[in-house]
Protein backbone atom coordinates (compact mmCIF):
# COMPACT_ATOMS: atom_id res chain seq x y z
CA UNK A 1 -9.59 6.22 2.20
CA UNK A 2 -12.16 5.79 -0.57
CA UNK A 3 -11.46 7.70 -3.76
CA UNK A 4 -14.73 7.63 -5.74
CA UNK A 5 -13.10 9.33 -8.72
CA UNK A 6 -10.79 6.38 -9.28
CA UNK A 7 -12.92 3.71 -7.55
CA UNK A 8 -10.11 2.80 -5.17
CA UNK A 9 -9.43 2.48 -1.45
CA UNK A 10 -6.00 3.75 -0.45
CA UNK A 11 -3.78 4.59 2.50
CA UNK A 12 -0.17 5.76 2.42
CA UNK A 13 2.83 5.01 4.58
CA UNK A 14 5.35 7.84 4.75
CA UNK A 15 8.80 6.77 5.94
CA UNK A 16 10.53 9.06 8.44
CA UNK A 17 14.12 8.27 7.41
CA UNK A 18 14.35 6.90 3.85
CA UNK A 19 17.64 5.08 3.25
CA UNK A 20 19.13 2.11 1.39
CA UNK A 21 18.82 0.14 4.66
CA UNK A 22 15.09 0.94 4.75
CA UNK A 23 14.79 -0.23 1.13
CA UNK A 24 16.32 -3.55 2.24
CA UNK A 25 13.90 -3.87 5.17
CA UNK A 26 11.00 -2.99 2.85
CA UNK A 27 12.14 -5.70 0.44
CA UNK A 28 12.20 -8.28 3.25
CA UNK A 29 8.79 -7.13 4.52
CA UNK A 30 7.24 -7.43 1.05
CA UNK A 31 8.70 -10.92 0.65
CA UNK A 32 7.29 -11.97 4.04
CA UNK A 33 3.86 -10.69 2.93
CA UNK A 34 4.05 -12.86 -0.22
CA UNK A 35 3.90 -9.70 -2.34
CA UNK A 36 4.61 -10.39 -6.00
CA UNK A 37 6.31 -7.80 -8.19
CA UNK A 38 4.35 -6.98 -11.35
CA UNK A 39 6.86 -5.58 -13.88
CA UNK A 40 4.12 -4.21 -16.17
CA UNK A 41 2.56 -2.18 -13.33
CA UNK A 42 5.89 -1.52 -11.58
CA UNK A 43 4.17 -2.31 -8.30
CA UNK A 44 3.75 -5.17 -5.86
CA UNK A 45 0.50 -7.11 -5.52
CA UNK A 46 -0.78 -9.03 -2.52
CA UNK A 47 -3.73 -11.35 -3.16
CA UNK A 48 -5.16 -11.03 0.34
CA UNK A 49 -8.63 -12.52 0.65
CA UNK A 50 -9.67 -11.96 -2.96
CA UNK A 51 -7.61 -12.34 -6.12
CA UNK A 52 -10.28 -10.30 -7.96
CA UNK A 53 -9.48 -7.18 -5.93
CA UNK A 54 -5.76 -7.52 -5.13
CA UNK A 55 -3.98 -5.06 -2.90
CA UNK A 56 -1.39 -3.05 -4.81
CA UNK A 57 1.67 -1.45 -3.22
CA UNK A 58 3.12 1.46 -5.19
CA UNK A 59 5.71 4.18 -4.69
CA UNK A 60 4.22 7.46 -3.44
CA UNK A 61 6.20 9.44 -6.00
CA UNK A 62 4.30 11.03 -8.88
CA UNK A 63 4.77 8.09 -11.26
CA UNK A 64 3.71 5.54 -8.65
CA UNK A 65 6.37 3.21 -10.01
CA UNK A 66 8.10 1.08 -7.42
CA UNK A 67 11.25 -0.69 -8.61
CA UNK A 68 11.71 -4.37 -7.93
CA UNK A 69 13.45 -4.34 -4.58
CA UNK A 70 14.30 -8.04 -4.66
CA UNK A 71 15.80 -8.50 -8.12
CA UNK A 72 17.89 -5.38 -8.53
CA UNK A 73 21.63 -5.46 -7.90
CA UNK A 74 21.80 -1.69 -8.41
CA UNK A 75 21.44 0.56 -5.37
CA UNK A 76 18.07 2.27 -5.67
CA UNK A 77 17.13 5.73 -4.45
CA UNK A 78 15.56 5.59 -0.97
CA UNK A 79 11.81 4.92 -1.04
CA UNK A 80 10.10 7.83 0.75
CA UNK A 81 6.79 6.06 1.13
CA UNK A 82 4.33 3.63 -0.35
CA UNK A 83 0.70 3.75 -1.36
CA UNK A 84 -1.34 0.68 -0.46
CA UNK A 85 -4.55 0.43 -2.43
CA UNK A 86 -7.34 -1.69 -3.77
CA UNK A 87 -8.83 -0.68 -7.11
CA UNK A 88 -12.21 -1.96 -8.25
CA UNK A 89 -11.78 -4.16 -11.30
CA UNK A 90 -15.33 -3.50 -12.52
CA UNK A 91 -18.41 -1.49 -11.55
CA UNK A 92 -19.96 -4.17 -9.36
CA UNK A 93 -16.91 -5.53 -7.56
CA UNK A 94 -16.00 -3.74 -4.34
CA UNK A 95 -13.55 -5.17 -1.81
CA UNK A 96 -14.90 -7.13 1.13
CA UNK A 97 -14.44 -5.94 4.71
CA UNK A 98 -11.85 -8.73 5.07
CA UNK A 99 -9.89 -7.29 2.15
CA UNK A 100 -10.12 -3.77 3.62
CA UNK A 101 -8.95 -5.15 6.98
CA UNK A 102 -5.99 -6.71 5.15
CA UNK A 103 -5.20 -3.30 3.60
CA UNK A 104 -5.15 -1.76 7.10
CA UNK A 105 -3.05 -4.63 8.47
CA UNK A 106 -0.51 -4.29 5.63
CA UNK A 107 -0.25 -0.54 6.18
CA UNK A 108 0.43 -1.03 9.90
CA UNK A 109 3.08 -3.69 9.18
CA UNK A 110 4.88 -1.46 6.69
CA UNK A 111 4.65 1.52 9.06
CA UNK A 112 6.59 -0.53 11.64
CA UNK A 113 9.60 -0.19 9.34
CA UNK A 114 9.80 3.44 10.43
CA UNK A 115 6.84 5.31 9.02
CA UNK A 116 3.39 6.70 9.62
CA UNK A 117 0.11 5.67 7.97
CA UNK A 118 -1.56 8.79 6.61
CA UNK A 119 -4.79 9.73 4.86
CA UNK A 120 -5.29 11.77 1.69
CA UNK A 121 -4.64 15.00 3.63
CA UNK A 122 -1.28 13.57 4.84
CA UNK A 123 -2.62 13.35 8.42
CA UNK A 124 -1.90 10.29 10.57
CA UNK A 125 -4.83 7.88 10.56
CA UNK A 126 -6.37 7.33 13.99
CA UNK A 127 -7.84 4.11 15.36
CA UNK A 128 -11.30 5.43 14.42
CA UNK A 129 -9.97 6.22 10.94
CA UNK A 130 -8.75 2.65 10.50
CA UNK A 131 -12.18 1.38 11.58
CA UNK A 132 -13.80 3.66 8.98
CA UNK A 133 -11.49 2.26 6.28
CA UNK A 134 -12.42 -1.31 7.23
CA UNK A 135 -16.13 -0.42 7.25
CA UNK A 136 -15.74 1.14 3.79
CA UNK A 137 -16.85 4.54 5.11
CA UNK A 138 -13.60 6.51 4.91
CA UNK A 139 -13.70 9.20 2.22
CA UNK A 140 -10.98 11.18 0.48
């Protein structure tokens, strides 16, 4: 969904049964997607089709901070969901349709771990909704 206020495109995946086992599966999924943990942002980044508008994967909690799931030996609290977004890096640079399609694809892959892809109103996104995201027409 497009958030004009923050110049970002974002969908969320809410997990039905958060658990340490889900954290482990999420860690493996992020590794298979070549997601790189950015300690300064406390989020994962996936280059996708453009390194200028990377896809960021954050925790859905208020802080948005997602701990490193691959480097921590400490058991982490269960992740309840993730936000998958692309933020414009400057006024002129919007993501391509390929990058938006990658955002949708990532959200569907992470939802297969046991979650639902939802919009800003916390409603499941329909097939038409995914098409609107890819076309850049979905609004918050």
